[in-house]
Amino acid sequence: MIEKIIQKVIQVMPIILIVMMAMMDRENTLFVATFLVLLFVYSGVLIARVLEAKNKWYEENKDLADLGEDKTISTMGDMTNKLSENHSEK
């Protein structure tokens, strides 16, 4: 339940930040501080999601890591053939 609420807030956070920025009273220190905290927290969440996706991709494709060191691959066609061989072995 709470997880779904957090996901929904993260989805609409860009709209919230744009509205806050458009209506921001720059003289009100509390409003500016709240905006900056929300902006930094949202940026941190985005960075964490990107890093998590990167790690997940590397875990799912461990067998592709050695393709860069394979000297038999000289063209994109060779790479495609090698990938299809690896895929058909699974």
PDB file of N, CA and C in Angstrom:
ATOM      1  N   MET A   1       0.818  -1.192   0.000  1.00  0.00           N
ATOM      2  CA  MET A   1       0.000   0.000   0.000  1.00  0.00           C
ATOM      3  C   MET A   1       0.865   1.259   0.000  1.00  0.00           C
ATOM      4  N   ILE A   2       1.770   1.325   0.960  1.00  0.00           N
ATOM      5  CA  ILE A   2       2.655   2.494   1.044  1.00  0.00           C
ATOM      6  C   ILE A   2       3.575   2.537  -0.168  1.00  0.00           C
ATOM      7  N   GLU A   3       3.998   1.355  -0.615  1.00  0.00           N
ATOM      8  CA  GLU A   3       4.881   1.280  -1.782  1.00  0.00           C
ATOM      9  C   GLU A   3       4.212   1.864  -3.026  1.00  0.00           C
ATOM     10  N   LYS A   4       2.936   1.574  -3.209  1.00  0.00           N
ATOM     11  CA  LYS A   4       2.211   2.111  -4.367  1.00  0.00           C
ATOM     12  C   LYS A   4       2.059   3.625  -4.273  1.00  0.00           C
ATOM     13  N   ILE A   5       1.846   4.125  -3.068  1.00  0.00           N
ATOM     14  CA  ILE A   5       1.726   5.573  -2.875  1.00  0.00           C
ATOM     15  C   ILE A   5       3.054   6.258  -3.208  1.00  0.00           C
ATOM     16  N   ILE A   6       4.147   5.671  -2.739  1.00  0.00           N
ATOM     17  CA  ILE A   6       5.476   6.244  -3.016  1.00  0.00           C
ATOM     18  C   ILE A   6       5.757   6.230  -4.512  1.00  0.00           C
ATOM     19  N   GLN A   7       5.418   5.125  -5.180  1.00  0.00           N
ATOM     20  CA  GLN A   7       5.623   5.054  -6.628  1.00  0.00           C
ATOM     21  C   GLN A   7       4.809   6.116  -7.356  1.00  0.00           C
ATOM     22  N   LYS A   8       3.584   6.339  -6.928  1.00  0.00           N
ATOM     23  CA  LYS A   8       2.729   7.348  -7.568  1.00  0.00           C
ATOM     24  C   LYS A   8       3.297   8.749  -7.349  1.00  0.00           C
ATOM     25  N   VAL A   9       3.795   9.018  -6.142  1.00  0.00           N
ATOM     26  CA  VAL A   9       4.402  10.324  -5.856  1.00  0.00           C
ATOM     27  C   VAL A   9       5.636  10.536  -6.725  1.00  0.00           C
ATOM     28  N   ILE A  10       6.444   9.499  -6.890  1.00  0.00           N
ATOM     29  CA  ILE A  10       7.643   9.610  -7.726  1.00  0.00           C
ATOM     30  C   ILE A  10       7.252   9.864  -9.183  1.00  0.00           C
ATOM     31  N   GLN A  11       6.159   9.269  -9.625  1.00  0.00           N
ATOM     32  CA  GLN A  11       5.715   9.483 -11.000  1.00  0.00           C
ATOM     33  C   GLN A  11       5.244  10.908 -11.249  1.00  0.00           C
ATOM     34  N   VAL A  12       4.593  11.514 -10.281  1.00  0.00           N
ATOM     35  CA  VAL A  12       4.075  12.868 -10.483  1.00  0.00           C
ATOM     36  C   VAL A  12       5.010  13.952  -9.945  1.00  0.00           C
ATOM     37  N   MET A  13       6.164  13.550  -9.402  1.00  0.00           N
ATOM     38  CA  MET A  13       7.096  14.524  -8.829  1.00  0.00           C
ATOM     39  C   MET A  13       7.564  15.580  -9.834  1.00  0.00           C
ATOM     40  N   PRO A  14       7.839  15.261 -11.097  1.00  0.00           N
ATOM     41  CA  PRO A  14       8.227  16.330 -12.029  1.00  0.00           C
ATOM     42  C   PRO A  14       7.153  17.410 -12.161  1.00  0.00           C
ATOM     43  N   ILE A  15       5.888  17.003 -12.180  1.00  0.00           N
ATOM     44  CA  ILE A  15       4.800  17.977 -12.281  1.00  0.00           C
ATOM     45  C   ILE A  15       4.744  18.830 -11.016  1.00  0.00           C
ATOM     46  N   ILE A  16       4.891  18.173  -9.865  1.00  0.00           N
ATOM     47  CA  ILE A  16       4.889  18.901  -8.597  1.00  0.00           C
ATOM     48  C   ILE A  16       6.018  19.924  -8.563  1.00  0.00           C
ATOM     49  N   LEU A  17       7.208  19.514  -8.993  1.00  0.00           N
ATOM     50  CA  LEU A  17       8.364  20.425  -8.970  1.00  0.00           C
ATOM     51  C   LEU A  17       8.183  21.583  -9.948  1.00  0.00           C
ATOM     52  N   ILE A  18       7.614  21.321 -11.112  1.00  0.00           N
ATOM     53  CA  ILE A  18       7.391  22.409 -12.082  1.00  0.00           C
ATOM     54  C   ILE A  18       6.372  23.407 -11.541  1.00  0.00           C
ATOM     55  N   VAL A  19       5.295  22.898 -10.935  1.00  0.00           N
ATOM     56  CA  VAL A  19       4.290  23.790 -10.360  1.00  0.00           C
ATOM     57  C   VAL A  19       4.885  24.600  -9.212  1.00  0.00           C
ATOM     58  N   MET A  20       5.662  23.940  -8.369  1.00  0.00           N
ATOM     59  CA  MET A  20       6.292  24.656  -7.263  1.00  0.00           C
ATOM     60  C   MET A  20       7.239  25.737  -7.764  1.00  0.00           C
ATOM     61  N   MET A  21       7.993  25.412  -8.820  1.00  0.00           N
ATOM     62  CA  MET A  21       8.939  26.378  -9.358  1.00  0.00           C
ATOM     63  C   MET A  21       8.210  27.574  -9.960  1.00  0.00           C
ATOM     64  N   ALA A  22       7.085  27.325 -10.614  1.00  0.00           N
ATOM     65  CA  ALA A  22       6.331  28.406 -11.244  1.00  0.00           C
ATOM     66  C   ALA A  22       5.666  29.305 -10.206  1.00  0.00           C
ATOM     67  N   MET A  23       5.262  28.728  -9.095  1.00  0.00           N
ATOM     68  CA  MET A  23       4.533  29.494  -8.093  1.00  0.00           C
ATOM     69  C   MET A  23       5.400  29.884  -6.889  1.00  0.00           C
ATOM     70  N   MET A  24       6.700  29.652  -6.982  1.00  0.00           N
ATOM     71  CA  MET A  24       7.583  29.834  -5.841  1.00  0.00           C
ATOM     72  C   MET A  24       7.720  31.302  -5.442  1.00  0.00           C
ATOM     73  N   ASP A  25       7.562  31.534  -4.156  1.00  0.00           N
ATOM     74  CA  ASP A  25       7.838  32.842  -3.579  1.00  0.00           C
ATOM     75  C   ASP A  25       9.284  32.811  -3.094  1.00  0.00           C
ATOM     76  N   ARG A  26      10.157  33.428  -3.841  1.00  0.00           N
ATOM     77  CA  ARG A  26      11.586  33.343  -3.537  1.00  0.00           C
ATOM     78  C   ARG A  26      11.962  34.047  -2.237  1.00  0.00           C
ATOM     79  N   GLU A  27      11.074  34.823  -1.705  1.00  0.00           N
ATOM     80  CA  GLU A  27      11.327  35.508  -0.436  1.00  0.00           C
ATOM     81  C   GLU A  27      11.049  34.596   0.762  1.00  0.00           C
ATOM     82  N   ASN A  28      10.259  33.548   0.546  1.00  0.00           N
ATOM     83  CA  ASN A  28       9.906  32.624   1.619  1.00  0.00           C
ATOM     84  C   ASN A  28      10.969  31.523   1.701  1.00  0.00           C
ATOM     85  N   THR A  29      11.803  31.589   2.733  1.00  0.00           N
ATOM     86  CA  THR A  29      12.920  30.651   2.882  1.00  0.00           C
ATOM     87  C   THR A  29      12.432  29.215   3.040  1.00  0.00           C
ATOM     88  N   LEU A  30      11.357  29.007   3.760  1.00  0.00           N
ATOM     89  CA  LEU A  30      10.826  27.664   3.963  1.00  0.00           C
ATOM     90  C   LEU A  30      10.380  27.037   2.639  1.00  0.00           C
ATOM     91  N   PHE A  31       9.728  27.809   1.802  1.00  0.00           N
ATOM     92  CA  PHE A  31       9.265  27.312   0.510  1.00  0.00           C
ATOM     93  C   PHE A  31      10.449  26.938  -0.382  1.00  0.00           C
ATOM     94  N   VAL A  32      11.477  27.779  -0.397  1.00  0.00           N
ATOM     95  CA  VAL A  32      12.669  27.506  -1.208  1.00  0.00           C
ATOM     96  C   VAL A  32      13.385  26.267  -0.688  1.00  0.00           C
ATOM     97  N   ALA A  33      13.519  26.154   0.630  1.00  0.00           N
ATOM     98  CA  ALA A  33      14.193  24.994   1.217  1.00  0.00           C
ATOM     99  C   ALA A  33      13.425  23.709   0.915  1.00  0.00           C
ATOM    100  N   THR A  34      12.100  23.755   1.017  1.00  0.00           N
ATOM    101  CA  THR A  34      11.282  22.582   0.701  1.00  0.00           C
ATOM    102  C   THR A  34      11.451  22.178  -0.762  1.00  0.00           C
ATOM    103  N   PHE A  35      11.451  23.162  -1.648  1.00  0.00           N
ATOM    104  CA  PHE A  35      11.634  22.877  -3.069  1.00  0.00           C
ATOM    105  C   PHE A  35      12.985  22.219  -3.319  1.00  0.00           C
ATOM    106  N   LEU A  36      14.042  22.764  -2.717  1.00  0.00           N
ATOM    107  CA  LEU A  36      15.379  22.201  -2.923  1.00  0.00           C
ATOM    108  C   LEU A  36      15.504  20.795  -2.351  1.00  0.00           C
ATOM    109  N   VAL A  37      14.917  20.559  -1.189  1.00  0.00           N
ATOM    110  CA  VAL A  37      14.966  19.214  -0.603  1.00  0.00           C
ATOM    111  C   VAL A  37      14.236  18.225  -1.509  1.00  0.00           C
ATOM    112  N   LEU A  38      13.048  18.593  -1.973  1.00  0.00           N
ATOM    113  CA  LEU A  38      12.311  17.708  -2.887  1.00  0.00           C
ATOM    114  C   LEU A  38      13.099  17.446  -4.170  1.00  0.00           C
ATOM    115  N   LEU A  39      13.724  18.482  -4.700  1.00  0.00           N
ATOM    116  CA  LEU A  39      14.505  18.334  -5.920  1.00  0.00           C
ATOM    117  C   LEU A  39      15.675  17.384  -5.727  1.00  0.00           C
ATOM    118  N   PHE A  40      16.403  17.529  -4.624  1.00  0.00           N
ATOM    119  CA  PHE A  40      17.549  16.659  -4.363  1.00  0.00           C
ATOM    120  C   PHE A  40      17.127  15.229  -4.046  1.00  0.00           C
ATOM    121  N   VAL A  41      16.038  15.068  -3.325  1.00  0.00           N
ATOM    122  CA  VAL A  41      15.547  13.715  -3.031  1.00  0.00           C
ATOM    123  C   VAL A  41      15.104  13.024  -4.321  1.00  0.00           C
ATOM    124  N   TYR A  42      14.382  13.741  -5.163  1.00  0.00           N
ATOM    125  CA  TYR A  42      13.935  13.159  -6.433  1.00  0.00           C
ATOM    126  C   TYR A  42      15.126  12.811  -7.323  1.00  0.00           C
ATOM    127  N   SER A  43      16.127  13.683  -7.347  1.00  0.00           N
ATOM    128  CA  SER A  43      17.338  13.388  -8.129  1.00  0.00           C
ATOM    129  C   SER A  43      18.037  12.150  -7.592  1.00  0.00           C
ATOM    130  N   GLY A  44      18.100  12.017  -6.286  1.00  0.00           N
ATOM    131  CA  GLY A  44      18.711  10.833  -5.681  1.00  0.00           C
ATOM    132  C   GLY A  44      17.956   9.560  -6.032  1.00  0.00           C
ATOM    133  N   VAL A  45      16.633   9.637  -6.025  1.00  0.00           N
ATOM    134  CA  VAL A  45      15.821   8.473  -6.392  1.00  0.00           C
ATOM    135  C   VAL A  45      16.077   8.080  -7.846  1.00  0.00           C
ATOM    136  N   LEU A  46      16.135   9.063  -8.722  1.00  0.00           N
ATOM    137  CA  LEU A  46      16.404   8.765 -10.137  1.00  0.00           C
ATOM    138  C   LEU A  46      17.770   8.130 -10.327  1.00  0.00           C
ATOM    139  N   ILE A  47      18.774   8.663  -9.663  1.00  0.00           N
ATOM    140  CA  ILE A  47      20.129   8.105  -9.773  1.00  0.00           C
ATOM    141  C   ILE A  47      20.157   6.687  -9.228  1.00  0.00           C
ATOM    142  N   ALA A  48      19.490   6.448  -8.104  1.00  0.00           N
ATOM    143  CA  ALA A  48      19.447   5.095  -7.531  1.00  0.00           C
ATOM    144  C   ALA A  48      18.764   4.116  -8.481  1.00  0.00           C
ATOM    145  N   ARG A  49      17.694   4.559  -9.144  1.00  0.00           N
ATOM    146  CA  ARG A  49      16.993   3.679 -10.085  1.00  0.00           C
ATOM    147  C   ARG A  49      17.866   3.341 -11.296  1.00  0.00           C
ATOM    148  N   VAL A  50      18.617   4.321 -11.772  1.00  0.00           N
ATOM    149  CA  VAL A  50      19.505   4.074 -12.915  1.00  0.00           C
ATOM    150  C   VAL A  50      20.609   3.103 -12.520  1.00  0.00           C
ATOM    151  N   LEU A  51      21.204   3.298 -11.357  1.00  0.00           N
ATOM    152  CA  LEU A  51      22.272   2.400 -10.913  1.00  0.00           C
ATOM    153  C   LEU A  51      21.751   0.987 -10.658  1.00  0.00           C
ATOM    154  N   GLU A  52      20.548   0.876 -10.114  1.00  0.00           N
ATOM    155  CA  GLU A  52      19.955  -0.433  -9.900  1.00  0.00           C
ATOM    156  C   GLU A  52      19.689  -1.136 -11.233  1.00  0.00           C
ATOM    157  N   ALA A  53      19.189  -0.395 -12.215  1.00  0.00           N
ATOM    158  CA  ALA A  53      18.930  -0.975 -13.535  1.00  0.00           C
ATOM    159  C   ALA A  53      20.233  -1.420 -14.197  1.00  0.00           C
ATOM    160  N   LYS A  54      21.288  -0.632 -14.015  1.00  0.00           N
ATOM    161  CA  LYS A  54      22.589  -0.999 -14.587  1.00  0.00           C
ATOM    162  C   LYS A  54      23.089  -2.302 -13.967  1.00  0.00           C
ATOM    163  N   ASN A  55      23.022  -2.405 -12.653  1.00  0.00           N
ATOM    164  CA  ASN A  55      23.478  -3.630 -11.985  1.00  0.00           C
ATOM    165  C   ASN A  55      22.630  -4.827 -12.387  1.00  0.00           C
ATOM    166  N   LYS A  56      21.337  -4.627 -12.504  1.00  0.00           N
ATOM    167  CA  LYS A  56      20.446  -5.714 -12.919  1.00  0.00           C
ATOM    168  C   LYS A  56      20.777  -6.163 -14.339  1.00  0.00           C
ATOM    169  N   TRP A  57      21.059  -5.204 -15.227  1.00  0.00           N
ATOM    170  CA  TRP A  57      21.400  -5.555 -16.600  1.00  0.00           C
ATOM    171  C   TRP A  57      22.680  -6.380 -16.638  1.00  0.00           C
ATOM    172  N   TYR A  58      23.686  -5.963 -15.854  1.00  0.00           N
ATOM    173  CA  TYR A  58      24.944  -6.704 -15.845  1.00  0.00           C
ATOM    174  C   TYR A  58      24.765  -8.098 -15.256  1.00  0.00           C
ATOM    175  N   GLU A  59      23.895  -8.245 -14.269  1.00  0.00           N
ATOM    176  CA  GLU A  59      23.651  -9.574 -13.713  1.00  0.00           C
ATOM    177  C   GLU A  59      22.925 -10.468 -14.710  1.00  0.00           C
ATOM    178  N   GLU A  60      21.992  -9.915 -15.460  1.00  0.00           N
ATOM    179  CA  GLU A  60      21.251 -10.706 -16.435  1.00  0.00           C
ATOM    180  C   GLU A  60      22.102 -11.077 -17.646  1.00  0.00           C
ATOM    181  N   ASN A  61      23.114 -10.283 -17.937  1.00  0.00           N
ATOM    182  CA  ASN A  61      23.914 -10.492 -19.148  1.00  0.00           C
ATOM    183  C   ASN A  61      25.379 -10.752 -18.821  1.00  0.00           C
ATOM    184  N   LYS A  62      25.625 -11.582 -17.814  1.00  0.00           N
ATOM    185  CA  LYS A  62      27.005 -11.904 -17.428  1.00  0.00           C
ATOM    186  C   LYS A  62      27.766 -12.573 -18.569  1.00  0.00           C
ATOM    187  N   ASP A  63      27.057 -13.365 -19.349  1.00  0.00           N
ATOM    188  CA  ASP A  63      27.699 -14.092 -20.433  1.00  0.00           C
ATOM    189  C   ASP A  63      28.145 -13.175 -21.573  1.00  0.00           C
ATOM    190  N   LEU A  64      27.653 -11.955 -21.632  1.00  0.00           N
ATOM    191  CA  LEU A  64      28.040 -11.027 -22.697  1.00  0.00           C
ATOM    192  C   LEU A  64      29.302 -10.245 -22.358  1.00  0.00           C
ATOM    193  N   ALA A  65      29.763 -10.333 -21.120  1.00  0.00           N
ATOM    194  CA  ALA A  65      30.909  -9.533 -20.693  1.00  0.00           C
ATOM    195  C   ALA A  65      32.185  -9.924 -21.436  1.00  0.00           C
ATOM    196  N   ASP A  66      32.319 -11.195 -21.788  1.00  0.00           N
ATOM    197  CA  ASP A  66      33.539 -11.639 -22.453  1.00  0.00           C
ATOM    198  C   ASP A  66      33.519 -11.402 -23.969  1.00  0.00           C
ATOM    199  N   LEU A  67      32.416 -10.929 -24.520  1.00  0.00           N
ATOM    200  CA  LEU A  67      32.351 -10.683 -25.961  1.00  0.00           C
ATOM    201  C   LEU A  67      33.291  -9.551 -26.384  1.00  0.00           C
ATOM    202  N   GLY A  68      33.524  -8.597 -25.507  1.00  0.00           N
ATOM    203  CA  GLY A  68      34.427  -7.495 -25.840  1.00  0.00           C
ATOM    204  C   GLY A  68      35.867  -7.934 -25.962  1.00  0.00           C
ATOM    205  N   GLU A  69      36.215  -9.050 -25.347  1.00  0.00           N
ATOM    206  CA  GLU A  69      37.587  -9.564 -25.393  1.00  0.00           C
ATOM    207  C   GLU A  69      37.765 -10.629 -26.472  1.00  0.00           C
ATOM    208  N   ASP A  70      36.709 -10.996 -27.142  1.00  0.00           N
ATOM    209  CA  ASP A  70      36.757 -12.033 -28.167  1.00  0.00           C
ATOM    210  C   ASP A  70      37.400 -11.472 -29.430  1.00  0.00           C
ATOM    211  N   LYS A  71      38.543 -12.018 -29.838  1.00  0.00           N
ATOM    212  CA  LYS A  71      39.286 -11.518 -31.003  1.00  0.00           C
ATOM    213  C   LYS A  71      38.678 -11.966 -32.325  1.00  0.00           C
ATOM    214  N   THR A  72      37.761 -12.941 -32.293  1.00  0.00           N
ATOM    215  CA  THR A  72      37.163 -13.421 -33.539  1.00  0.00           C
ATOM    216  C   THR A  72      36.072 -12.479 -34.041  1.00  0.00           C
ATOM    217  N   ILE A  73      35.654 -11.545 -33.227  1.00  0.00           N
ATOM    218  CA  ILE A  73      34.599 -10.603 -33.622  1.00  0.00           C
ATOM    219  C   ILE A  73      35.248  -9.370 -34.240  1.00  0.00           C
ATOM    220  N   SER A  74      34.971  -9.177 -35.539  1.00  0.00           N
ATOM    221  CA  SER A  74      35.535  -8.000 -36.207  1.00  0.00           C
ATOM    222  C   SER A  74      34.456  -7.116 -36.825  1.00  0.00           C
ATOM    223  N   THR A  75      33.272  -7.674 -37.046  1.00  0.00           N
ATOM    224  CA  THR A  75      32.190  -6.879 -37.630  1.00  0.00           C
ATOM    225  C   THR A  75      30.932  -7.040 -36.777  1.00  0.00           C
ATOM    226  N   MET A  76      29.962  -6.213 -37.060  1.00  0.00           N
ATOM    227  CA  MET A  76      28.694  -6.301 -36.340  1.00  0.00           C
ATOM    228  C   MET A  76      27.980  -7.617 -36.650  1.00  0.00           C
ATOM    229  N   GLY A  77      28.165  -8.147 -37.838  1.00  0.00           N
ATOM    230  CA  GLY A  77      27.581  -9.439 -38.194  1.00  0.00           C
ATOM    231  C   GLY A  77      28.143 -10.559 -37.331  1.00  0.00           C
ATOM    232  N   ASP A  78      29.466 -10.496 -37.080  1.00  0.00           N
ATOM    233  CA  ASP A  78      30.075 -11.495 -36.196  1.00  0.00           C
ATOM    234  C   ASP A  78      29.472 -11.406 -34.789  1.00  0.00           C
ATOM    235  N   MET A  79      29.265 -10.170 -34.345  1.00  0.00           N
ATOM    236  CA  MET A  79      28.686  -9.967 -33.012  1.00  0.00           C
ATOM    237  C   MET A  79      27.267 -10.518 -32.963  1.00  0.00           C
ATOM    238  N   THR A  80      26.486 -10.278 -33.998  1.00  0.00           N
ATOM    239  CA  THR A  80      25.110 -10.772 -34.050  1.00  0.00           C
ATOM    240  C   THR A  80      25.084 -12.292 -34.038  1.00  0.00           C
ATOM    241  N   ASN A  81      25.965 -12.913 -34.813  1.00  0.00           N
ATOM    242  CA  ASN A  81      26.030 -14.378 -34.848  1.00  0.00           C
ATOM    243  C   ASN A  81      26.407 -14.944 -33.481  1.00  0.00           C
ATOM    244  N   LYS A  82      27.371 -14.317 -32.840  1.00  0.00           N
ATOM    245  CA  LYS A  82      27.823 -14.781 -31.532  1.00  0.00           C
ATOM    246  C   LYS A  82      26.713 -14.636 -30.490  1.00  0.00           C
ATOM    247  N   LEU A  83      25.980 -13.514 -30.551  1.00  0.00           N
ATOM    248  CA  LEU A  83      24.879 -13.310 -29.617  1.00  0.00           C
ATOM    249  C   LEU A  83      23.766 -14.327 -29.848  1.00  0.00           C
ATOM    250  N   SER A  84      23.466 -14.620 -31.122  1.00  0.00           N
ATOM    251  CA  SER A  84      22.412 -15.604 -31.396  1.00  0.00           C
ATOM    252  C   SER A  84      22.850 -16.997 -30.959  1.00  0.00           C
ATOM    253  N   GLU A  85      24.151 -17.301 -31.057  1.00  0.00           N
ATOM    254  CA  GLU A  85      24.653 -18.586 -30.564  1.00  0.00           C
ATOM    255  C   GLU A  85      24.498 -18.676 -29.047  1.00  0.00           C
ATOM    256  N   ASN A  86      24.860 -17.601 -28.364  1.00  0.00           N
ATOM    257  CA  ASN A  86      24.733 -17.582 -26.898  1.00  0.00           C
ATOM    258  C   ASN A  86      23.273 -17.690 -26.480  1.00  0.00           C
ATOM    259  N   HIS A  87      22.392 -17.029 -27.238  1.00  0.00           N
ATOM    260  CA  HIS A  87      20.969 -17.038 -26.896  1.00  0.00           C
ATOM    261  C   HIS A  87      20.374 -18.438 -27.127  1.00  0.00           C
ATOM    262  N   SER A  88      20.808 -19.119 -28.201  1.00  0.00           N
ATOM    263  CA  SER A  88      20.236 -20.424 -28.520  1.00  0.00           C
ATOM    264  C   SER A  88      20.750 -21.496 -27.549  1.00  0.00           C
ATOM    265  N   GLU A  89      21.905 -21.259 -26.920  1.00  0.00           N
ATOM    266  CA  GLU A  89      22.428 -22.215 -25.949  1.00  0.00           C
ATOM    267  C   GLU A  89      21.622 -22.214 -24.659  1.00  0.00           C
ATOM    268  N   LYS A  90      20.951 -21.097 -24.367  1.00  0.00           N
ATOM    269  CA  LYS A  90      20.185 -20.999 -23.118  1.00  0.00           C
ATOM    270  C   LYS A  90      18.939 -21.759 -23.229  1.00  0.00           C
TER     271      LYS A  90
END
